[in-house]
Amino acid sequence: MRLPHGDGDSFAPTALRHGVAVLPGSGLDASGGSKEFIRIHFLATPDTLTEAVGRLAAAWQAYGGGHGRGDPAPRAPRSMAV
């Protein structure tokens, strides 16, 4: 998924603090490009995916929600890979 601003390297830790593990695109591109992308896994139960989307939305708001980076949010109680 392409992020509207920022980069996957800086968004991934924010998502993890919200309990969702995503992969930054730069780690999946041998040329070091794809910084503006993240990889989201979506093979999970509908309930887990619904929870993950809510957490990603909260992470995006903490990151800046379209207007630049914000302050990191508190650590979530548990992480889920999406």
Protein backbone atom coordinates (compact mmCIF):
# COMPACT_ATOMS: atom_id res chain seq x y z
CA MET A 1 0.00 0.00 0.00
CA ARG A 2 1.35 3.43 -0.91
CA LEU A 3 1.25 5.95 1.94
CA PRO A 4 -0.10 9.40 1.03
CA HIS A 5 2.86 11.02 2.83
CA GLY A 6 5.84 9.97 4.88
CA ASP A 7 7.49 6.59 4.49
CA GLY A 8 7.06 3.02 5.59
CA ASP A 9 10.28 3.05 7.62
CA SER A 10 8.92 5.72 9.95
CA PHE A 11 5.26 4.57 9.91
CA ALA A 12 5.97 0.91 10.77
CA PRO A 13 7.12 1.66 14.35
CA THR A 14 4.04 3.83 14.89
CA ALA A 15 1.81 0.98 13.69
CA LEU A 16 3.66 -1.44 15.98
CA ARG A 17 3.08 0.84 18.97
CA HIS A 18 -0.61 0.47 18.13
CA GLY A 19 -0.32 -3.30 18.07
CA VAL A 20 -0.11 -3.95 14.32
CA ALA A 21 3.02 -5.21 12.57
CA VAL A 22 3.48 -4.01 8.98
CA LEU A 23 6.55 -4.27 6.78
CA PRO A 24 8.13 -1.12 5.32
CA GLY A 25 8.43 -1.32 1.56
CA SER A 26 12.12 -0.42 1.58
CA GLY A 27 12.90 -3.77 3.20
CA LEU A 28 11.19 -5.61 0.35
CA ASP A 29 12.91 -3.79 -2.51
CA ALA A 30 16.47 -4.85 -3.35
CA SER A 31 17.14 -1.44 -4.91
CA GLY A 32 16.24 0.35 -1.65
CA GLY A 33 13.28 2.11 -3.24
CA SER A 34 9.63 1.74 -2.32
CA LYS A 35 10.05 3.84 0.82
CA GLU A 36 6.54 5.24 0.44
CA PHE A 37 4.98 1.76 0.70
CA ILE A 38 4.07 -0.67 3.45
CA ARG A 39 3.06 -4.30 3.13
CA ILE A 40 -0.15 -5.28 4.89
CA HIS A 41 -0.98 -8.94 5.36
CA PHE A 42 -4.69 -9.62 5.24
CA LEU A 43 -5.06 -13.35 5.81
CA ALA A 44 -6.88 -13.43 9.14
CA THR A 45 -10.37 -13.79 10.53
CA PRO A 46 -12.82 -10.97 9.81
CA ASP A 47 -12.84 -10.00 13.51
CA THR A 48 -9.03 -9.80 13.60
CA LEU A 49 -8.94 -7.76 10.41
CA THR A 50 -11.58 -5.36 11.76
CA GLU A 51 -9.51 -4.84 14.90
CA ALA A 52 -6.35 -4.38 12.84
CA VAL A 53 -7.96 -1.74 10.61
CA GLY A 54 -9.05 0.22 13.67
CA ARG A 55 -5.54 0.05 15.08
CA LEU A 56 -4.01 1.11 11.75
CA ALA A 57 -6.39 4.07 11.60
CA ALA A 58 -5.33 5.13 15.10
CA ALA A 59 -1.67 4.68 14.14
CA TRP A 60 -2.17 6.81 11.04
CA GLN A 61 -3.74 9.59 13.11
CA ALA A 62 -0.82 9.45 15.56
CA TYR A 63 1.61 9.52 12.63
CA GLY A 64 0.00 12.62 11.22
CA GLY A 65 -3.17 11.51 9.47
CA GLY A 66 -2.38 13.27 6.23
CA HIS A 67 -0.83 16.40 7.73
CA GLY A 68 2.69 15.36 8.74
CA ARG A 69 3.98 13.20 11.53
CA GLY A 70 2.52 13.43 15.00
CA ASP A 71 3.66 12.24 18.39
CA PRO A 72 4.02 8.51 18.97
CA ALA A 73 1.10 6.85 20.71
CA PRO A 74 1.36 4.67 23.79
CA ARG A 75 2.33 1.03 23.31
CA ALA A 76 -0.63 -1.26 22.66
CA PRO A 77 -1.12 -4.24 24.98
CA ARG A 78 -0.43 -6.85 22.31
CA SER A 79 0.70 -6.94 18.69
CA MET A 80 -0.99 -8.56 15.76
CA ALA A 81 0.59 -9.25 12.42
CA VAL A 82 -1.54 -8.07 9.52
